[in-house]
N, C-alpha and C. Protein backbone atom coordinates (compact mmCIF):
# COMPACT_ATOMS: atom_id res chain seq x y z
N MET A 1 -7.72 -53.98 21.30
CA MET A 1 -8.61 -54.24 21.25
C MET A 1 -9.16 -55.33 20.07
N LYS A 2 -9.86 -56.33 20.12
CA LYS A 2 -9.89 -57.12 18.87
C LYS A 2 -10.80 -56.70 18.14
N LYS A 3 -10.97 -57.00 17.13
CA LYS A 3 -11.61 -56.68 16.12
C LYS A 3 -13.00 -58.04 16.47
N SER A 4 -14.27 -58.13 16.10
CA SER A 4 -15.40 -59.01 16.33
C SER A 4 -16.07 -58.14 15.52
N LYS A 5 -17.38 -59.34 14.85
CA LYS A 5 -17.70 -58.54 13.97
C LYS A 5 -19.50 -58.27 14.75
N GLU A 6 -19.67 -58.43 16.24
CA GLU A 6 -20.67 -57.94 17.32
C GLU A 6 -20.32 -56.49 17.64
N LEU A 7 -18.88 -56.38 17.45
CA LEU A 7 -18.30 -55.02 17.89
C LEU A 7 -18.31 -53.91 16.89
N LEU A 8 -17.79 -54.82 15.58
CA LEU A 8 -18.10 -53.99 14.26
C LEU A 8 -19.81 -53.61 14.08
N ARG A 9 -20.56 -54.36 14.45
CA ARG A 9 -21.92 -54.44 14.30
C ARG A 9 -22.70 -53.11 15.89
N ILE A 10 -22.45 -52.89 16.51
CA ILE A 10 -22.57 -51.97 17.46
C ILE A 10 -22.16 -51.01 17.34
N ILE A 11 -20.75 -50.45 16.69
CA ILE A 11 -20.21 -49.53 16.08
C ILE A 11 -21.31 -48.73 15.01
N ILE A 12 -21.39 -49.76 13.70
CA ILE A 12 -21.99 -49.59 12.73
C ILE A 12 -23.43 -48.89 13.17
N GLU A 13 -24.21 -49.60 14.54
CA GLU A 13 -25.91 -49.27 14.46
C GLU A 13 -25.62 -48.07 15.62
N ARG A 14 -24.83 -47.50 16.00
CA ARG A 14 -24.36 -46.23 16.99
C ARG A 14 -24.02 -45.22 15.55
N ILE A 15 -23.32 -45.14 15.17
CA ILE A 15 -23.59 -44.56 14.10
C ILE A 15 -24.80 -44.17 13.76
N GLN A 16 -25.18 -44.84 12.84
CA GLN A 16 -26.58 -44.80 12.33
C GLN A 16 -27.35 -43.97 12.95
N LEU A 17 -27.37 -43.86 14.44
CA LEU A 17 -28.43 -43.67 15.52
C LEU A 17 -27.87 -42.10 15.45
N GLY A 18 -26.91 -41.69 14.58
CA GLY A 18 -26.31 -40.40 14.97
C GLY A 18 -25.03 -39.92 15.91
N GLU A 19 -25.00 -41.24 16.50
CA GLU A 19 -23.75 -40.95 17.19
C GLU A 19 -22.39 -40.78 16.37
N THR A 20 -21.24 -39.92 16.94
CA THR A 20 -19.90 -39.66 16.08
C THR A 20 -19.13 -41.24 16.38
N LEU A 21 -18.33 -40.97 15.52
CA LEU A 21 -17.22 -42.15 15.90
C LEU A 21 -16.22 -41.58 16.85
N THR A 22 -16.05 -40.36 17.14
CA THR A 22 -14.95 -39.82 18.15
C THR A 22 -15.89 -40.45 19.14
N SER A 23 -17.16 -40.01 19.55
CA SER A 23 -17.41 -40.22 20.67
C SER A 23 -17.82 -41.53 21.05
N ILE A 24 -17.98 -42.34 19.99
CA ILE A 24 -17.79 -43.55 20.18
C ILE A 24 -16.88 -44.12 21.07
N CYS A 25 -15.65 -44.18 20.37
CA CYS A 25 -13.75 -44.59 20.60
C CYS A 25 -14.01 -44.24 21.52
N ARG A 26 -13.72 -42.80 22.88
CA ARG A 26 -14.12 -42.32 23.82
C ARG A 26 -14.18 -43.46 24.95
N GLU A 27 -15.19 -43.91 24.83
CA GLU A 27 -15.57 -45.02 25.61
C GLU A 27 -14.22 -46.03 25.86
N LYS A 28 -14.42 -46.94 27.34
CA LYS A 28 -13.28 -47.67 28.07
C LYS A 28 -13.38 -49.17 26.93
N ASP A 29 -15.18 -49.15 26.50
CA ASP A 29 -14.89 -50.30 26.48
C ASP A 29 -14.88 -50.52 24.99
N GLN A 30 -14.81 -49.91 24.02
CA GLN A 30 -14.60 -49.55 22.51
C GLN A 30 -13.31 -49.01 21.92
N PRO A 31 -12.98 -49.88 20.95
CA PRO A 31 -11.51 -49.50 20.09
C PRO A 31 -11.34 -48.01 20.15
N GLY A 32 -10.32 -47.58 20.12
CA GLY A 32 -9.55 -46.13 19.95
C GLY A 32 -9.78 -45.94 18.30
N LEU A 33 -9.69 -45.16 18.40
CA LEU A 33 -10.37 -43.91 16.94
C LEU A 33 -9.01 -44.48 15.36
N THR A 34 -7.97 -44.69 15.95
CA THR A 34 -6.88 -45.31 15.12
C THR A 34 -7.31 -47.02 14.55
N THR A 35 -7.31 -47.22 15.82
CA THR A 35 -7.92 -48.59 15.59
C THR A 35 -8.80 -49.31 14.50
N VAL A 36 -10.35 -48.09 14.96
CA VAL A 36 -11.18 -48.19 13.95
C VAL A 36 -10.63 -47.77 12.34
N TYR A 37 -9.89 -46.47 12.24
CA TYR A 37 -9.63 -46.41 11.12
C TYR A 37 -8.32 -47.57 10.21
N LYS A 38 -7.43 -48.33 11.14
CA LYS A 38 -6.68 -49.46 10.32
C LYS A 38 -7.30 -50.25 10.35
N TRP A 39 -8.60 -51.12 10.93
CA TRP A 39 -9.92 -51.49 10.29
C TRP A 39 -9.86 -51.46 9.00
N MET A 40 -10.87 -50.20 8.78
CA MET A 40 -10.99 -49.51 7.67
C MET A 40 -10.15 -49.57 6.32
N ASN A 41 -8.67 -49.21 7.19
CA ASN A 41 -7.96 -49.45 5.68
C ASN A 41 -7.32 -50.59 5.73
N LYS A 42 -8.33 -51.70 6.15
CA LYS A 42 -7.38 -53.15 5.81
C LYS A 42 -8.99 -54.21 5.45
N ASP A 43 -9.85 -53.15 5.62
CA ASP A 43 -11.78 -54.10 5.13
C ASP A 43 -12.20 -53.22 4.41
N ASP A 44 -12.02 -53.29 3.56
CA ASP A 44 -13.29 -52.28 2.55
C ASP A 44 -14.70 -52.44 2.76
N ASP A 45 -15.17 -53.85 3.07
CA ASP A 45 -16.44 -53.98 3.53
C ASP A 45 -16.93 -53.46 4.73
N PHE A 46 -16.09 -53.45 5.62
CA PHE A 46 -16.48 -52.14 6.64
C PHE A 46 -15.89 -50.70 6.50
N LYS A 47 -15.37 -50.63 5.70
CA LYS A 47 -15.10 -49.38 5.00
C LYS A 47 -16.65 -48.79 4.57
N LYS A 48 -16.72 -49.40 3.71
CA LYS A 48 -18.54 -49.17 2.67
C LYS A 48 -19.25 -49.38 3.96
N GLU A 49 -19.41 -50.43 5.06
CA GLU A 49 -20.49 -49.92 5.83
C GLU A 49 -20.70 -49.03 6.60
N LEU A 50 -19.51 -48.26 7.01
CA LEU A 50 -19.39 -47.44 7.90
C LEU A 50 -19.52 -45.99 7.43
N LEU A 51 -19.70 -46.00 5.63
CA LEU A 51 -19.92 -44.97 5.15
C LEU A 51 -21.18 -44.85 5.06
N GLU A 52 -22.05 -46.02 4.37
CA GLU A 52 -23.82 -46.18 4.39
C GLU A 52 -24.27 -45.62 5.97
N ALA A 53 -23.39 -46.16 7.31
CA ALA A 53 -24.07 -45.64 8.42
C ALA A 53 -23.78 -44.36 8.50
N ARG A 54 -22.90 -44.04 8.37
CA ARG A 54 -22.74 -41.96 7.98
C ARG A 54 -23.90 -41.65 7.29
N ARG A 55 -23.80 -41.76 6.26
CA ARG A 55 -25.14 -41.35 5.54
C ARG A 55 -26.39 -41.29 6.59
N ILE A 56 -26.62 -42.54 6.63
CA ILE A 56 -27.97 -43.13 7.65
C ILE A 56 -27.94 -42.35 9.00
N GLY A 57 -26.63 -41.89 9.41
CA GLY A 57 -26.76 -41.16 10.69
C GLY A 57 -26.88 -39.85 9.72
N ALA A 58 -26.89 -39.26 8.97
CA ALA A 58 -26.80 -37.65 8.78
C ALA A 58 -28.31 -37.76 8.35
N MET A 59 -29.38 -38.28 7.96
CA MET A 59 -30.61 -38.52 8.16
C MET A 59 -31.19 -38.57 9.35
N THR A 60 -30.87 -39.15 10.80
CA THR A 60 -31.41 -39.50 11.86
C THR A 60 -30.63 -37.92 12.65
N TRP A 61 -29.85 -37.34 12.16
CA TRP A 61 -29.30 -36.02 12.81
C TRP A 61 -30.75 -35.23 12.05
N LEU A 62 -31.12 -35.16 10.91
CA LEU A 62 -32.09 -34.23 10.34
C LEU A 62 -33.30 -34.36 11.02
N ASP A 63 -33.63 -35.67 11.19
CA ASP A 63 -34.82 -36.38 11.84
C ASP A 63 -34.62 -35.41 13.27
N LYS A 64 -33.80 -35.57 14.32
CA LYS A 64 -33.45 -34.93 15.33
C LYS A 64 -33.38 -32.92 15.36
N MET A 65 -33.23 -32.49 13.93
CA MET A 65 -33.22 -31.12 13.68
C MET A 65 -34.92 -30.86 13.58
N THR A 66 -35.58 -31.76 13.18
CA THR A 66 -36.70 -31.58 12.68
C THR A 66 -37.69 -31.17 14.24
N ASP A 67 -37.10 -32.43 15.48
CA ASP A 67 -38.08 -32.27 16.31
C ASP A 67 -37.07 -31.10 17.08
N LEU A 68 -36.31 -30.43 17.01
CA LEU A 68 -35.87 -29.59 17.66
C LEU A 68 -36.20 -27.91 17.22
N LEU A 69 -37.00 -27.92 15.66
CA LEU A 69 -37.73 -27.18 15.45
C LEU A 69 -39.25 -27.33 15.48
N ASN A 70 -39.64 -28.47 16.01
CA ASN A 70 -41.02 -28.40 16.67
C ASN A 70 -40.90 -27.90 18.00
N GLN A 71 -39.98 -27.38 18.69
CA GLN A 71 -39.75 -27.52 20.27
C GLN A 71 -39.89 -25.71 20.20
N ASP A 72 -40.24 -25.45 22.09
CA ASP A 72 -40.15 -24.02 22.02
C ASP A 72 -38.81 -23.62 22.58
N ILE A 73 -38.21 -22.65 21.73
CA ILE A 73 -37.01 -22.64 22.17
C ILE A 73 -37.12 -20.98 22.88
N LYS A 74 -36.04 -21.06 23.86
CA LYS A 74 -35.99 -19.78 24.67
C LYS A 74 -34.86 -18.90 23.70
N PRO A 75 -35.31 -17.67 23.47
CA PRO A 75 -34.76 -16.54 23.17
C PRO A 75 -33.19 -16.48 22.99
N GLN A 76 -32.47 -17.23 23.57
CA GLN A 76 -30.97 -16.61 24.24
C GLN A 76 -30.13 -18.18 23.30
N GLU A 77 -31.17 -18.91 22.96
CA GLU A 77 -30.84 -20.55 22.64
C GLU A 77 -30.81 -20.40 21.22
N VAL A 78 -31.55 -19.66 20.46
CA VAL A 78 -32.26 -19.73 19.01
C VAL A 78 -30.68 -19.69 17.78
N GLN A 79 -29.50 -19.03 18.34
CA GLN A 79 -28.41 -18.76 17.65
C GLN A 79 -27.55 -19.99 17.88
N TRP A 80 -27.77 -20.86 18.72
CA TRP A 80 -27.04 -22.00 18.83
C TRP A 80 -28.19 -23.22 17.76
N CYS A 81 -29.21 -22.85 17.76
CA CYS A 81 -30.07 -23.66 17.27
C CYS A 81 -29.77 -23.90 16.09
N ARG A 82 -29.72 -22.68 15.29
CA ARG A 82 -29.45 -21.96 14.03
C ARG A 82 -28.43 -22.94 13.51
N GLU A 83 -27.20 -22.94 14.88
CA GLU A 83 -26.42 -23.58 13.77
C GLU A 83 -26.37 -24.69 13.91
N ARG A 84 -26.75 -25.29 15.11
CA ARG A 84 -26.51 -26.98 14.86
C ARG A 84 -27.55 -27.10 13.40
N LEU A 85 -29.01 -26.37 13.12
CA LEU A 85 -29.44 -26.98 12.32
C LEU A 85 -28.86 -26.82 10.73
N HIS A 86 -27.68 -25.55 10.87
CA HIS A 86 -27.09 -25.35 9.66
C HIS A 86 -26.17 -26.38 9.46
N HIS A 87 -25.50 -26.99 10.32
CA HIS A 87 -24.70 -28.06 10.39
C HIS A 87 -25.30 -29.42 10.34
N SER A 88 -25.76 -29.62 10.76
CA SER A 88 -26.63 -31.04 10.16
C SER A 88 -27.12 -30.52 8.68
N ARG A 89 -27.71 -29.74 7.95
CA ARG A 89 -27.74 -29.45 6.83
C ARG A 89 -26.63 -29.62 5.88
N TRP A 90 -25.27 -29.05 6.36
CA TRP A 90 -24.62 -28.89 5.40
C TRP A 90 -23.99 -30.56 5.02
N MET A 91 -23.92 -31.66 6.80
CA MET A 91 -23.31 -32.39 6.64
C MET A 91 -24.23 -33.72 5.75
N ALA A 92 -25.60 -33.44 5.69
CA ALA A 92 -26.54 -34.03 4.95
C ALA A 92 -25.90 -33.42 3.49
N SER A 93 -25.82 -32.87 2.98
CA SER A 93 -25.70 -32.07 1.52
C SER A 93 -24.25 -33.31 1.36
N LYS A 94 -23.26 -33.31 2.06
CA LYS A 94 -22.43 -34.44 1.71
C LYS A 94 -22.41 -35.42 1.56
N LEU A 95 -22.88 -36.24 2.68
CA LEU A 95 -22.70 -37.49 2.63
C LEU A 95 -24.26 -37.89 2.19
N VAL A 96 -25.43 -37.41 1.76
CA VAL A 96 -26.92 -37.98 1.17
C VAL A 96 -26.68 -37.31 -0.20
N SER A 97 -26.99 -37.83 -0.95
CA SER A 97 -27.05 -37.36 -2.55
C SER A 97 -28.41 -37.03 -2.41
N VAL A 98 -29.34 -36.81 -2.04
CA VAL A 98 -30.43 -36.69 -2.13
C VAL A 98 -30.68 -34.73 -1.64
N PHE A 99 -29.78 -34.63 -1.21
CA PHE A 99 -29.93 -32.96 -0.22
C PHE A 99 -28.75 -32.31 -0.98
N ASN A 100 -27.84 -32.77 -2.17
CA ASN A 100 -26.65 -32.43 -2.47
C ASN A 100 -27.50 -31.13 -3.06
N ASP A 101 -26.66 -30.26 -2.77
CA ASP A 101 -27.27 -28.71 -3.71
C ASP A 101 -26.30 -28.47 -4.66
N LYS A 102 -25.48 -29.55 -5.35
CA LYS A 102 -24.63 -29.08 -6.68
C LYS A 102 -25.20 -30.03 -7.58
N VAL A 103 -25.16 -29.35 -8.90
CA VAL A 103 -25.53 -30.30 -10.11
C VAL A 103 -24.67 -30.90 -10.60
N ILE A 104 -24.72 -32.33 -10.89
CA ILE A 104 -23.91 -32.85 -11.29
C ILE A 104 -23.97 -33.02 -12.77
N ASN A 105 -23.02 -33.11 -13.87
CA ASN A 105 -23.68 -33.19 -14.87
C ASN A 105 -22.26 -34.36 -15.72
N GLU A 106 -23.36 -35.32 -16.42
CA GLU A 106 -22.34 -36.67 -16.96
C GLU A 106 -22.55 -36.38 -18.15
N ASN A 107 -21.95 -37.01 -18.80
CA ASN A 107 -22.07 -37.26 -20.22
C ASN A 107 -22.16 -39.09 -20.55
N VAL A 108 -22.80 -39.14 -21.14
CA VAL A 108 -23.07 -40.12 -21.47
C VAL A 108 -23.01 -40.53 -22.74
N GLY A 109 -22.48 -41.76 -23.59
CA GLY A 109 -22.38 -42.12 -24.84
C GLY A 109 -20.85 -41.07 -25.86
N ASP A 110 -20.79 -41.22 -26.80
CA ASP A 110 -20.15 -40.47 -27.72
C ASP A 110 -20.64 -39.07 -28.58
N PRO A 111 -20.03 -37.98 -27.49
CA PRO A 111 -20.38 -36.64 -27.81
C PRO A 111 -20.20 -36.47 -29.16
N ILE A 112 -20.63 -35.93 -30.40
CA ILE A 112 -20.65 -35.41 -31.63
C ILE A 112 -20.47 -33.93 -31.71
N ILE A 113 -19.39 -33.31 -32.04
CA ILE A 113 -19.03 -32.19 -32.73
C ILE A 113 -19.01 -31.65 -33.85
N LYS A 114 -19.89 -31.13 -34.36
CA LYS A 114 -20.63 -30.75 -35.94
C LYS A 114 -19.93 -29.40 -36.38
N ILE A 115 -19.13 -29.16 -37.23
CA ILE A 115 -18.78 -27.69 -37.57
C ILE A 115 -19.28 -27.60 -39.20
N VAL A 116 -20.14 -26.93 -39.47
CA VAL A 116 -20.99 -26.41 -40.37
C VAL A 116 -20.07 -24.95 -40.81
N TRP A 117 -19.36 -24.48 -41.98
CA TRP A 117 -19.52 -23.44 -42.45
C TRP A 117 -20.06 -23.31 -44.17
N ASP A 118 -20.51 -22.24 -44.48
CA ASP A 118 -20.80 -22.11 -45.79
C ASP A 118 -20.15 -20.66 -46.49
N ASP A 119 -19.68 -21.47 -47.64
CA ASP A 119 -18.54 -20.70 -48.43
C ASP A 119 -19.19 -19.10 -49.14
N ASP A 120 -20.22 -19.81 -49.22
CA ASP A 120 -21.46 -18.79 -50.28
C ASP A 120 -22.01 -17.98 -49.46
N SER A 121 -21.89 -16.41 -49.53
CA SER A 121 -22.40 -15.79 -48.33
C SER A 121 -23.54 -14.89 -48.88
N SER A 122 -24.16 -15.23 -50.27
CA SER A 122 -24.61 -14.34 -51.16
C SER A 122 -26.35 -14.95 -50.21
N SER A 123 -27.26 -14.42 -50.24
CA SER A 123 -28.32 -13.93 -49.65
C SER A 123 -29.62 -14.32 -50.68
N LYS A 124 -28.93 -14.59 -51.96
CA LYS A 124 -29.76 -14.63 -53.29
C LYS A 124 -30.01 -16.19 -53.25
N VAL A 125 -28.95 -17.10 -52.65
CA VAL A 125 -29.25 -18.65 -53.35
C VAL A 125 -29.82 -19.29 -52.04
N SER A 126 -30.98 -19.51 -52.64
CA SER A 126 -31.73 -20.69 -51.94
C SER A 126 -31.26 -21.23 -50.77
N SER A 127 -31.82 -21.66 -49.70
CA SER A 127 -31.61 -22.38 -49.03
C SER A 127 -30.88 -23.65 -49.00
N ASP A 128 -31.64 -24.59 -49.62
CA ASP A 128 -31.52 -26.16 -50.47
C ASP A 128 -30.13 -25.99 -50.81
N LYS A 129 -29.60 -25.00 -52.20
CA LYS A 129 -28.64 -25.30 -52.69
C LYS A 129 -27.70 -24.55 -51.84
N ARG A 130 -27.48 -23.83 -51.07
CA ARG A 130 -26.70 -23.36 -49.93
C ARG A 130 -26.52 -24.41 -49.27
N LYS A 131 -27.15 -25.18 -48.55
CA LYS A 131 -27.28 -26.63 -48.00
C LYS A 131 -25.87 -27.50 -48.55
N GLU A 132 -26.55 -27.79 -49.88
CA GLU A 132 -25.64 -28.47 -50.69
C GLU A 132 -24.16 -27.87 -50.99
N GLU A 133 -23.78 -26.41 -51.06
CA GLU A 133 -22.53 -25.78 -51.05
C GLU A 133 -21.74 -25.93 -49.51
N SER A 134 -22.66 -26.26 -48.76
CA SER A 134 -21.86 -26.04 -47.48
C SER A 134 -20.85 -27.47 -47.09
N HIS A 135 -19.78 -26.98 -46.37
CA HIS A 135 -18.88 -28.07 -45.76
C HIS A 135 -19.43 -28.35 -44.44
N SER A 136 -18.71 -29.31 -44.29
CA SER A 136 -19.32 -29.89 -42.20
C SER A 136 -18.06 -30.40 -42.59
N HIS A 137 -17.74 -30.98 -41.42
CA HIS A 137 -16.97 -31.97 -40.60
C HIS A 137 -17.39 -32.21 -39.06
N GLU A 138 -17.87 -33.97 -38.96
CA GLU A 138 -18.23 -34.09 -37.90
C GLU A 138 -16.58 -34.80 -36.77
N LEU A 139 -16.65 -34.63 -35.62
CA LEU A 139 -15.90 -35.17 -34.82
C LEU A 139 -16.50 -35.70 -33.73
N ARG A 140 -16.18 -37.27 -33.32
CA ARG A 140 -17.02 -37.73 -32.20
C ARG A 140 -15.81 -37.45 -30.72
N GLY A 141 -16.47 -37.88 -29.66
CA GLY A 141 -15.12 -37.69 -28.80
C GLY A 141 -14.25 -38.69 -28.69
N SER A 142 -14.79 -40.17 -29.09
CA SER A 142 -13.57 -40.64 -28.97
C SER A 142 -12.88 -40.82 -30.55
N ASP A 143 -13.19 -40.55 -31.23
CA ASP A 143 -12.18 -39.83 -32.57
C ASP A 143 -10.53 -39.50 -32.16
N GLN A 144 -10.31 -40.44 -32.08
CA GLN A 144 -8.02 -39.90 -32.12
C GLN A 144 -7.63 -38.77 -32.73
N VAL A 145 -7.48 -37.71 -32.48
CA VAL A 145 -7.43 -36.30 -33.89
C VAL A 145 -5.77 -36.17 -33.05
N GLU A 146 -4.90 -36.12 -34.63
CA GLU A 146 -3.36 -35.88 -34.00
C GLU A 146 -3.59 -34.19 -34.25
N GLU A 147 -2.71 -33.60 -33.21
CA GLU A 147 -2.13 -31.69 -33.01
C GLU A 147 -2.58 -31.59 -34.91
N ASN A 148 -1.40 -31.88 -35.63
CA ASN A 148 -1.36 -31.81 -36.79
C ASN A 148 -2.11 -31.40 -37.69
N SER A 149 -3.64 -32.21 -37.85
CA SER A 149 -4.34 -32.24 -38.67
C SER A 149 -5.59 -31.25 -37.55
N LEU A 150 -5.07 -30.44 -36.87
CA LEU A 150 -5.86 -29.37 -36.78
C LEU A 150 -5.73 -28.24 -37.19
N LYS A 151 -4.59 -28.26 -37.50
CA LYS A 151 -4.20 -26.84 -38.13
C LYS A 151 -5.08 -26.78 -39.77
N ASP A 152 -5.89 -27.51 -40.10
CA ASP A 152 -6.71 -27.81 -41.39
C ASP A 152 -7.98 -27.16 -40.90
N TYR A 153 -8.21 -26.70 -39.89
CA TYR A 153 -9.02 -26.31 -39.55
C TYR A 153 -9.53 -24.80 -38.55
N LYS A 154 -8.45 -24.23 -39.09
CA LYS A 154 -7.97 -22.70 -38.88
C LYS A 154 -9.19 -21.83 -39.31
N ILE A 155 -9.67 -21.06 -38.03
CA ILE A 155 -10.51 -20.24 -38.62
C ILE A 155 -10.23 -18.73 -38.76
N ASN A 156 -10.27 -17.52 -40.03
CA ASN A 156 -9.73 -16.74 -40.59
C ASN A 156 -10.38 -15.44 -40.25
């Protein structure tokens, strides 16, 4: 099947509506799954659009699951519904950052590590004098430190 903007638009739209790419590609009038993957490998814009469509599709699935929760369910279907809800929640947590259940910490800037030590262990010395006598060294994350220079900082 030949790639066209109209065909790609239809695939993207259907994925946004919550259909899976495998179910779309099973249809006779649609390209095969390997063909779509080849298109994705060659066209970064299509790959980005497809990923965004999957994110929107995950939101669609969450809407469908909310509708499912508002329906009366037969007792024998409760476990199946629970599994569908669980899978939709899991999928959304992977594709939509709003529902991500992991906290991501990012270092921004140049971290500074400050090491301070005090040679005078006498408690009678005032804290101001202690600050004057204490030793310190600052190391920035961007500083280049040679391994040999670290031996000066051994802790006994």
